[in-house]
């Protein structure tokens, strides 16, 4: 593959957004202002910003700053390490306003748009932006600095092939994420129906509370609960095992070791920067796909782990069954109770959540006196959990393949045809893996 040297400014334009006056920020309105919070920079895609309330803009704005679906944007400030060089595609026309911290990428005739999306986020460009970033409290770049980056490009037809190939991988990744969101929503809706509204099936298969099932007042919960239930705590339904200070257990004698699962890994999965821990740690703090994890410090998050075997670091609980209660029940009870823990952290006027065994013991939840209802719930939810883990494993595999192919395709070390073969092989291996896993689980 023949490559030609360019400055980015020869093949694209970079336009800074509008300066938006703070007095026109609002909690509602027609237009949403774009911020750096709209970049999911770990996955290099767009995300809705949920960290602020005043994201709407009600002042006048010129039409050229109203974004169209498919517009490429990149941040001009680095509010998180690794943000510079990230790219995102606008998901909807006529909704978002480009603010001054956001640049819009406009391709000239010699640059394919799909290819440009990956080119800006490639290591070649990111390293140049990082080296040229101005050193203030928050590092930032500029349209001119972006245009000054040096790149090597194939001809436009090869660009189209590379862009389409990488886009197809990202579409599959996005589809898997959407499937997982739908599965999670389905499972949570059923949990709410059974254990919040108490309309689990009665002995005749009818919704318990709506069909006149007897309810009794719980003074501790300050609400009615089904007869035959009681007020208990999270420790009654689950065991919470804290991780170790894994830096004390480094791999020895050339062993490969296990990746350390910290709060960062709960967000991003296993990366090249993830630390390793000895494989000889206790089994109780080894993490496997499908395990329930709860970060009891800082983020206060609950998740189904799906990134492979690892060693659990301190500040995270591995949550397992107590008294025969199934995973689906303690997972959603804990997930539901996290909002209470966050309120407790807010009351202490600290941004650092810090949940202890005492807090778990003081929790109050409604629990059936026997496991009949929770086991029925598990029978329905467990297949959804397995699908969610499978989907995340697929996302991880496809993301790894995309990230490996990206620099090789951009540098011409791998031809498009060879990359297509690798993708087809990965798809075949994934299908075989899921089929084998399903057979073994049966």
Protein backbone atom coordinates (compact mmCIF):
# COMPACT_ATOMS: atom_id res chain seq x y z
CA UNK A 1 0.00 0.00 0.00
CA UNK A 2 1.50 3.31 -1.12
CA UNK A 3 1.22 6.15 1.41
CA UNK A 4 1.63 9.88 0.86
CA UNK A 5 2.69 12.40 3.49
CA UNK A 6 0.32 15.27 4.39
CA UNK A 7 -0.36 17.85 7.02
CA UNK A 8 -3.91 17.35 8.28
CA UNK A 9 -4.74 20.90 7.25
CA UNK A 10 -4.22 19.86 3.60
CA UNK A 11 -7.02 17.28 3.75
CA UNK A 12 -9.47 18.65 6.33
CA UNK A 13 -10.73 21.79 8.02
CA UNK A 14 -11.15 22.19 11.78
CA UNK A 15 -13.80 24.61 12.99
CA UNK A 16 -14.09 25.79 16.60
CA UNK A 17 -17.57 26.07 18.14
CA UNK A 18 -19.49 29.07 19.41
CA UNK A 19 -18.83 30.97 22.63
CA UNK A 20 -22.03 30.35 24.58
CA UNK A 21 -22.92 32.80 27.36
CA UNK A 22 -23.56 31.10 30.70
CA UNK A 23 -26.63 33.24 31.43
CA UNK A 24 -28.47 31.30 28.70
CA UNK A 25 -27.73 27.84 30.16
CA UNK A 26 -30.94 26.09 31.17
CA UNK A 27 -32.37 22.82 32.47
CA UNK A 28 -34.71 22.57 29.48
CA UNK A 29 -34.91 23.86 25.95
CA UNK A 30 -34.62 22.94 22.28
CA UNK A 31 -30.84 22.74 21.94
CA UNK A 32 -28.25 20.83 23.96
CA UNK A 33 -24.77 22.31 24.16
CA UNK A 34 -21.93 19.90 23.47
CA UNK A 35 -19.22 19.51 26.11
CA UNK A 36 -16.23 17.23 26.66
CA UNK A 37 -18.65 15.04 28.62
CA UNK A 38 -20.12 13.92 25.29
CA UNK A 39 -17.00 11.89 24.46
CA UNK A 40 -16.82 8.27 25.57
CA UNK A 41 -13.07 8.42 25.03
CA UNK A 42 -12.44 4.84 26.18
CA UNK A 43 -14.68 3.53 23.41
CA UNK A 44 -14.17 6.46 21.00
CA UNK A 45 -17.84 7.19 20.50
CA UNK A 46 -20.55 9.69 21.43
CA UNK A 47 -22.36 9.58 24.75
CA UNK A 48 -25.05 11.70 26.32
CA UNK A 49 -23.67 13.93 29.08
CA UNK A 50 -25.45 13.09 32.34
CA UNK A 51 -23.00 14.87 34.67
CA UNK A 52 -24.63 18.31 34.44
CA UNK A 53 -28.16 19.73 34.74
CA UNK A 54 -27.81 22.97 32.75
CA UNK A 55 -26.93 21.50 29.37
CA UNK A 56 -29.65 23.26 27.37
CA UNK A 57 -28.98 26.60 25.70
CA UNK A 58 -31.79 29.11 25.16
CA UNK A 59 -29.83 32.03 23.66
CA UNK A 60 -29.43 32.89 19.98
CA UNK A 61 -26.96 30.79 18.01
CA UNK A 62 -25.86 30.91 14.37
CA UNK A 63 -27.11 28.05 12.15
CA UNK A 64 -23.61 26.79 11.34
CA UNK A 65 -23.16 25.77 14.99
CA UNK A 66 -26.26 23.52 14.96
CA UNK A 67 -24.88 20.04 14.38
CA UNK A 68 -26.10 17.50 11.82
CA UNK A 69 -26.25 13.73 12.22
CA UNK A 70 -22.91 12.17 11.30
CA UNK A 71 -20.82 15.30 11.96
CA UNK A 72 -17.37 14.43 13.36
CA UNK A 73 -16.36 16.25 16.54
CA UNK A 74 -13.19 16.24 18.65
CA UNK A 75 -12.41 18.01 21.97
CA UNK A 76 -10.09 21.00 22.25
CA UNK A 77 -9.57 20.64 26.02
CA UNK A 78 -8.29 17.63 27.95
CA UNK A 79 -10.54 17.42 31.00
CA UNK A 80 -9.51 13.78 31.40
CA UNK A 81 -6.20 12.13 30.50
CA UNK A 82 -6.42 10.66 27.01
CA UNK A 83 -9.31 12.85 25.85
CA UNK A 84 -7.38 14.85 23.22
CA UNK A 85 -7.70 13.16 19.83
CA UNK A 86 -10.94 11.40 20.73
CA UNK A 87 -13.66 11.52 18.11
CA UNK A 88 -17.42 11.12 18.16
CA UNK A 89 -20.25 11.18 15.63
CA UNK A 90 -23.32 13.36 16.25
CA UNK A 91 -26.29 10.96 16.58
CA UNK A 92 -29.14 13.33 15.68
CA UNK A 93 -29.64 16.44 13.53
CA UNK A 94 -30.90 19.75 14.89
CA UNK A 95 -30.41 18.93 18.59
CA UNK A 96 -26.82 19.79 19.56
CA UNK A 97 -24.95 23.12 19.58
CA UNK A 98 -21.19 23.10 19.01
CA UNK A 99 -19.53 24.98 21.88
CA UNK A 100 -16.07 26.55 21.83
CA UNK A 101 -14.40 23.56 23.54
CA UNK A 102 -15.48 21.32 20.65
CA UNK A 103 -14.06 21.24 17.11
CA UNK A 104 -15.92 20.03 14.05
CA UNK A 105 -13.92 18.10 11.44
CA UNK A 106 -14.82 18.83 7.80
CA UNK A 107 -13.16 16.63 5.18
CA UNK A 108 -11.88 17.84 1.83
CA UNK A 109 -12.21 15.77 -1.35
CA UNK A 110 -8.95 13.89 -0.73
CA UNK A 111 -10.08 12.48 2.66
CA UNK A 112 -12.84 9.93 3.25
CA UNK A 113 -15.09 10.86 6.18
CA UNK A 114 -15.15 7.40 7.80
CA UNK A 115 -11.39 7.15 7.48
CA UNK A 116 -10.97 10.62 9.02
CA UNK A 117 -12.93 9.56 12.10
CA UNK A 118 -10.33 6.88 12.85
CA UNK A 119 -7.37 8.89 11.63
CA UNK A 120 -7.91 11.68 14.20
CA UNK A 121 -8.18 9.13 17.03
CA UNK A 122 -5.16 7.10 15.92
CA UNK A 123 -2.00 7.05 18.03
CA UNK A 124 -0.12 8.90 15.27
CA UNK A 125 -2.31 11.99 15.69
CA UNK A 126 -2.97 11.62 19.43
CA UNK A 127 0.75 11.60 20.27
CA UNK A 128 1.33 14.75 18.24
CA UNK A 129 -1.60 16.52 19.89
CA UNK A 130 -0.40 15.49 23.34
CA UNK A 131 3.15 16.71 22.64
CA UNK A 132 1.89 20.08 21.38
CA UNK A 133 -0.80 20.60 24.04
CA UNK A 134 -0.40 23.78 26.05
CA UNK A 135 0.47 23.08 29.68
CA UNK A 136 -2.09 24.81 31.87
CA UNK A 137 -4.26 23.40 34.65
CA UNK A 138 -6.30 21.82 31.86
CA UNK A 139 -4.28 20.94 28.77
CA UNK A 140 -5.77 22.11 25.51
CA UNK A 141 -5.16 22.14 21.79
CA UNK A 142 -6.45 24.28 18.92
CA UNK A 143 -7.71 23.91 15.34
CA UNK A 144 -4.31 25.04 14.05
CA UNK A 145 -2.46 22.44 16.12
CA UNK A 146 -4.75 19.71 14.82
CA UNK A 147 -4.19 20.84 11.22
CA UNK A 148 -0.42 20.89 11.83
CA UNK A 149 -0.27 17.14 12.58
CA UNK A 150 1.64 15.03 10.06
CA UNK A 151 -0.04 11.90 8.64
CA UNK A 152 0.54 9.37 5.85
CA UNK A 153 -2.50 8.54 3.74
CA UNK A 154 -3.36 5.91 1.12
CA UNK A 155 -5.43 6.81 -1.93
CA UNK A 156 -9.09 7.76 -1.48
CA UNK A 157 -10.44 4.34 -2.52
CA UNK A 158 -8.26 2.53 0.03
CA UNK A 159 -9.35 5.09 2.63
CA UNK A 160 -12.99 4.23 1.89
CA UNK A 161 -12.30 0.51 2.27
CA UNK A 162 -10.50 1.01 5.60
CA UNK A 163 -13.14 3.40 6.90
CA UNK A 164 -15.99 1.06 5.94
CA UNK A 165 -14.23 -1.93 7.49
CA UNK A 166 -13.60 -0.23 10.84
CA UNK A 167 -17.10 1.30 10.81
CA UNK A 168 -18.62 -2.15 10.37
CA UNK A 169 -16.77 -3.34 13.48
CA UNK A 170 -17.99 -0.31 15.45
CA UNK A 171 -21.58 -0.88 14.31
CA UNK A 172 -21.40 -4.46 15.59
CA UNK A 173 -19.94 -3.23 18.90
CA UNK A 174 -22.69 -0.58 19.19
CA UNK A 175 -25.36 -3.19 18.41
CA UNK A 176 -24.03 -5.48 21.14
CA UNK A 177 -24.09 -2.61 23.63
CA UNK A 178 -27.68 -1.78 22.66
CA UNK A 179 -28.67 -5.44 23.10
CA UNK A 180 -27.12 -5.45 26.57
CA UNK A 181 -28.94 -2.24 27.54
CA UNK A 182 -32.23 -3.81 26.44
CA UNK A 183 -31.52 -7.04 28.33
CA UNK A 184 -30.66 -5.07 31.47
CA UNK A 185 -33.83 -2.98 31.13
CA UNK A 186 -35.97 -6.10 30.70
CA UNK A 187 -34.49 -7.76 33.76
CA UNK A 188 -34.78 -4.61 35.91
CA UNK A 189 -38.40 -4.10 34.86
CA UNK A 190 -39.26 -7.62 35.93
CA UNK A 191 -37.43 -7.14 39.25
CA UNK A 192 -39.42 -3.96 39.93
CA UNK A 193 -42.65 -5.74 39.10
CA UNK A 194 -41.92 -8.66 41.44
CA UNK A 195 -39.97 -7.08 44.32
CA UNK A 196 -40.97 -3.40 44.37
CA UNK A 197 -44.62 -3.61 43.33
CA UNK A 198 -44.90 -7.13 44.83
CA UNK A 199 -46.76 -8.49 41.79
CA UNK A 200 -44.80 -11.74 41.61
CA UNK A 201 -46.94 -14.76 40.55
CA UNK A 202 -49.12 -16.14 43.36
CA UNK A 203 -50.00 -19.83 43.69
CA UNK A 204 -52.49 -19.40 40.82
CA UNK A 205 -50.03 -17.56 38.60
CA UNK A 206 -51.73 -14.21 39.11
CA UNK A 207 -49.93 -10.97 40.19
CA UNK A 208 -49.84 -11.20 44.00
CA UNK A 209 -50.65 -7.68 45.21
CA UNK A 210 -52.91 -6.68 42.29
CA UNK A 211 -54.95 -9.86 42.80
CA UNK A 212 -55.61 -9.13 46.45
CA UNK A 213 -52.67 -10.94 48.06
CA UNK A 214 -52.49 -10.17 51.78
CA UNK A 215 -50.13 -7.34 52.73
CA UNK A 216 -48.82 -6.51 56.21
CA UNK A 217 -47.29 -3.33 57.59
CA UNK A 218 -43.51 -3.28 58.21
CA UNK A 219 -42.58 -0.64 60.75
CA UNK A 220 -38.87 -0.76 59.80
CA UNK A 221 -39.56 -0.37 56.08
CA UNK A 222 -42.46 2.06 56.63
CA UNK A 223 -44.51 0.27 54.00
CA UNK A 224 -46.65 -2.79 53.41
CA UNK A 225 -44.97 -6.02 52.36
CA UNK A 226 -46.47 -9.40 51.41
CA UNK A 227 -47.53 -11.72 54.21
CA UNK A 228 -44.75 -14.26 54.73
CA UNK A 229 -42.03 -11.67 54.07
CA UNK A 230 -39.89 -9.82 56.61
CA UNK A 231 -37.55 -6.85 56.88
CA UNK A 232 -33.95 -8.02 56.63
CA UNK A 233 -30.63 -6.61 55.41
CA UNK A 234 -28.24 -7.12 52.52
CA UNK A 235 -25.97 -9.36 54.60
CA UNK A 236 -28.86 -11.80 54.99
CA UNK A 237 -29.00 -12.44 51.24
CA UNK A 238 -25.36 -11.99 50.18
CA UNK A 239 -21.76 -12.29 51.34
CA UNK A 240 -19.45 -9.34 50.65
CA UNK A 241 -15.77 -10.28 50.27
CA UNK A 242 -13.28 -7.41 50.07
CA UNK A 243 -10.28 -7.56 47.75
CA UNK A 244 -6.62 -7.33 48.72
CA UNK A 245 -3.97 -4.66 48.37
CA UNK A 246 -2.81 -6.41 45.22
CA UNK A 247 0.41 -4.42 44.85
CA UNK A 248 1.75 -6.57 47.70
CA UNK A 249 1.30 -9.72 45.61
CA UNK A 250 3.32 -9.12 42.44
CA UNK A 251 3.81 -12.03 39.99
CA UNK A 252 6.93 -14.02 40.83
CA UNK A 253 9.40 -16.22 38.91
CA UNK A 254 8.19 -15.21 35.47
CA UNK A 255 4.53 -16.08 36.02
CA UNK A 256 2.14 -14.15 33.78
CA UNK A 257 -0.16 -13.27 36.65
CA UNK A 258 -3.75 -12.07 36.68
CA UNK A 259 -5.02 -8.59 35.82
CA UNK A 260 -5.92 -6.53 38.89
CA UNK A 261 -9.59 -5.52 38.97
CA UNK A 262 -9.82 -1.97 40.29
CA UNK A 263 -12.53 0.66 39.92
CA UNK A 264 -10.93 1.73 36.64
CA UNK A 265 -11.27 -1.82 35.28
CA UNK A 266 -14.92 -1.86 36.33
CA UNK A 267 -15.36 1.09 33.94
CA UNK A 268 -12.96 0.26 31.13
CA UNK A 269 -12.32 -3.47 31.32
CA UNK A 270 -8.81 -4.91 31.11
CA UNK A 271 -6.37 -2.65 29.25
CA UNK A 272 -2.65 -2.64 28.49
CA UNK A 273 -2.15 -0.40 31.56
CA UNK A 274 -3.86 -2.83 33.95
CA UNK A 275 -1.54 -4.04 36.72
CA UNK A 276 -0.91 -7.76 37.31
CA UNK A 277 -1.12 -9.78 40.50
CA UNK A 278 0.18 -13.23 41.41
CA UNK A 279 -2.00 -16.18 40.41
CA UNK A 280 -1.47 -17.59 43.92
CA UNK A 281 -3.95 -15.28 45.62
CA UNK A 282 -6.89 -16.85 47.52
CA UNK A 283 -9.68 -18.23 45.35
CA UNK A 284 -12.18 -16.08 47.24
CA UNK A 285 -10.81 -12.92 45.62
CA UNK A 286 -10.38 -14.24 42.11
CA UNK A 287 -12.93 -12.74 39.74
CA UNK A 288 -14.64 -14.65 36.94
CA UNK A 289 -17.09 -13.67 34.24
CA UNK A 290 -20.59 -13.41 35.68
CA UNK A 291 -19.43 -12.45 39.20
CA UNK A 292 -21.19 -9.55 40.92
CA UNK A 293 -18.85 -6.71 41.96
CA UNK A 294 -19.62 -3.69 44.15
CA UNK A 295 -17.19 -0.78 44.42
CA UNK A 296 -17.77 0.27 48.02
CA UNK A 297 -15.44 3.30 47.79
CA UNK A 298 -15.74 6.34 45.52
CA UNK A 299 -18.00 5.30 42.64
CA UNK A 300 -20.46 3.03 44.51
CA UNK A 301 -21.31 0.91 41.47
CA UNK A 302 -22.63 -2.59 40.98
CA UNK A 303 -21.83 -4.66 37.89
CA UNK A 304 -21.76 -8.12 36.37
CA UNK A 305 -18.07 -8.70 35.59
CA UNK A 306 -17.45 -9.89 32.01
CA UNK A 307 -13.79 -9.15 31.21
CA UNK A 308 -12.08 -12.44 32.06
CA UNK A 309 -10.35 -13.88 35.13
CA UNK A 310 -8.70 -11.36 37.44
CA UNK A 311 -7.62 -10.61 41.00
CA UNK A 312 -9.86 -8.35 43.09
CA UNK A 313 -8.30 -5.19 44.50
CA UNK A 314 -9.30 -3.57 47.78
CA UNK A 315 -12.19 -1.06 47.66
CA UNK A 316 -14.30 -3.60 45.75
CA UNK A 317 -16.54 -6.31 47.17
CA UNK A 318 -17.09 -9.61 45.41
CA UNK A 319 -20.73 -10.39 46.16
CA UNK A 320 -21.86 -14.01 46.48
CA UNK A 321 -24.92 -15.85 47.75
CA UNK A 322 -25.95 -16.18 51.40
CA UNK A 323 -28.72 -18.43 52.70
CA UNK A 324 -29.43 -19.87 49.28
CA UNK A 325 -30.48 -16.59 47.69
CA UNK A 326 -29.76 -16.55 43.93
CA UNK A 327 -27.57 -14.07 42.09
CA UNK A 328 -30.41 -12.24 40.33
CA UNK A 329 -32.10 -11.40 43.65
CA UNK A 330 -29.06 -10.07 45.53
CA UNK A 331 -27.75 -8.29 42.41
CA UNK A 332 -30.90 -6.21 41.94
CA UNK A 333 -31.50 -5.68 45.65
CA UNK A 334 -27.98 -4.26 45.95
CA UNK A 335 -28.32 -2.26 42.72
CA UNK A 336 -31.57 -0.78 44.06
CA UNK A 337 -30.00 0.06 47.43
CA UNK A 338 -27.01 1.92 45.99
CA UNK A 339 -29.10 5.10 45.78
CA UNK A 340 -29.58 4.92 49.57
CA UNK A 341 -25.81 4.52 50.08
CA UNK A 342 -25.17 7.54 47.85
CA UNK A 343 -27.61 9.61 49.91
CA UNK A 344 -25.68 8.57 53.01
CA UNK A 345 -22.43 9.74 51.39
CA UNK A 346 -24.07 13.06 50.44
CA UNK A 347 -25.27 13.51 54.02
CA UNK A 348 -21.66 13.20 55.19
CA UNK A 349 -20.86 16.01 52.71
CA UNK A 350 -18.14 14.05 50.99
CA UNK A 351 -17.64 13.07 47.37
CA UNK A 352 -16.06 9.84 48.56
CA UNK A 353 -18.56 7.07 49.16
CA UNK A 354 -17.37 4.60 51.76
CA UNK A 355 -19.63 1.63 52.51
CA UNK A 356 -18.63 -0.72 55.33
CA UNK A 357 -19.99 -3.97 56.72
CA UNK A 358 -21.83 -1.85 59.31
CA UNK A 359 -23.70 -0.01 56.57
CA UNK A 360 -24.61 -3.32 54.96
CA UNK A 361 -25.88 -4.61 58.28
CA UNK A 362 -27.97 -1.47 58.81
CA UNK A 363 -29.62 -1.73 55.38
CA UNK A 364 -33.34 -2.57 55.27
CA UNK A 365 -34.93 -4.62 52.49
CA UNK A 366 -38.01 -6.83 52.09
CA UNK A 367 -37.11 -10.54 51.90
CA UNK A 368 -39.38 -13.58 51.38
CA UNK A 369 -39.30 -16.05 54.29
CA UNK A 370 -38.46 -18.84 51.84
CA UNK A 371 -36.63 -18.87 48.49
CA UNK A 372 -39.55 -20.00 46.33
CA UNK A 373 -40.18 -16.59 44.72
CA UNK A 374 -36.50 -15.68 44.35
CA UNK A 375 -35.71 -19.01 42.69
CA UNK A 376 -38.58 -18.52 40.22
CA UNK A 377 -37.13 -15.10 39.46
CA UNK A 378 -33.65 -16.60 38.96
CA UNK A 379 -35.03 -19.11 36.45
CA UNK A 380 -36.26 -16.21 34.30
CA UNK A 381 -33.32 -13.84 34.79
CA UNK A 382 -30.30 -16.15 34.66
CA UNK A 383 -30.57 -16.71 30.86
CA UNK A 384 -30.60 -12.92 30.43
CA UNK A 385 -27.49 -12.63 32.61
CA UNK A 386 -25.71 -15.24 30.50
CA UNK A 387 -26.61 -13.37 27.31
CA UNK A 388 -25.38 -10.10 28.82
CA UNK A 389 -22.03 -11.66 29.72
CA UNK A 390 -21.75 -13.23 26.25
CA UNK A 391 -22.48 -9.89 24.60
CA UNK A 392 -19.85 -8.11 26.69
CA UNK A 393 -17.30 -10.80 25.86
CA UNK A 394 -18.08 -10.20 22.19
CA UNK A 395 -17.72 -6.43 22.65
CA UNK A 396 -14.33 -6.91 24.30
CA UNK A 397 -13.13 -9.23 21.54
CA UNK A 398 -14.28 -6.96 18.72
CA UNK A 399 -12.89 -3.85 20.40
CA UNK A 400 -9.50 -5.53 20.84
CA UNK A 401 -9.49 -6.57 17.19
CA UNK A 402 -10.45 -3.05 16.02
CA UNK A 403 -7.75 -1.43 18.19
CA UNK A 404 -5.13 -3.85 16.87
CA UNK A 405 -6.12 -3.37 13.23
CA UNK A 406 -6.41 0.42 13.40
CA UNK A 407 -2.67 1.32 13.54
CA UNK A 408 -1.74 -1.51 11.16
CA UNK A 409 -4.24 -0.37 8.54
CA UNK A 410 -3.33 3.29 8.98
CA UNK A 411 0.39 2.57 8.53
CA UNK A 412 -0.10 0.17 5.61
CA UNK A 413 1.34 -2.81 7.51
CA UNK A 414 -1.86 -4.77 6.92
CA UNK A 415 -3.86 -4.76 3.69
CA UNK A 416 -7.65 -4.39 3.77
CA UNK A 417 -8.16 -7.91 2.40
CA UNK A 418 -6.02 -9.42 5.19
CA UNK A 419 -7.93 -7.41 7.82
CA UNK A 420 -11.23 -8.69 6.41
CA UNK A 421 -9.97 -12.27 6.78
CA UNK A 422 -9.08 -11.62 10.43
CA UNK A 423 -12.54 -10.19 11.10
CA UNK A 424 -14.28 -13.16 9.46
CA UNK A 425 -12.09 -15.57 11.45
CA UNK A 426 -12.91 -13.73 14.69
CA UNK A 427 -16.63 -13.92 13.89
CA UNK A 428 -16.38 -17.68 13.25
CA UNK A 429 -14.43 -18.25 16.48
CA UNK A 430 -16.94 -16.17 18.41
CA UNK A 431 -19.86 -18.22 17.06
CA UNK A 432 -18.10 -21.48 17.97
CA UNK A 433 -17.26 -20.17 21.45
CA UNK A 434 -20.82 -19.06 22.22
CA UNK A 435 -22.22 -22.38 20.93
CA UNK A 436 -19.74 -24.38 23.05
CA UNK A 437 -20.43 -22.23 26.12
CA UNK A 438 -24.19 -22.70 25.66
CA UNK A 439 -23.82 -26.47 25.31
CA UNK A 440 -21.63 -26.69 28.41
CA UNK A 441 -24.04 -24.53 30.42
CA UNK A 442 -26.90 -26.87 29.49
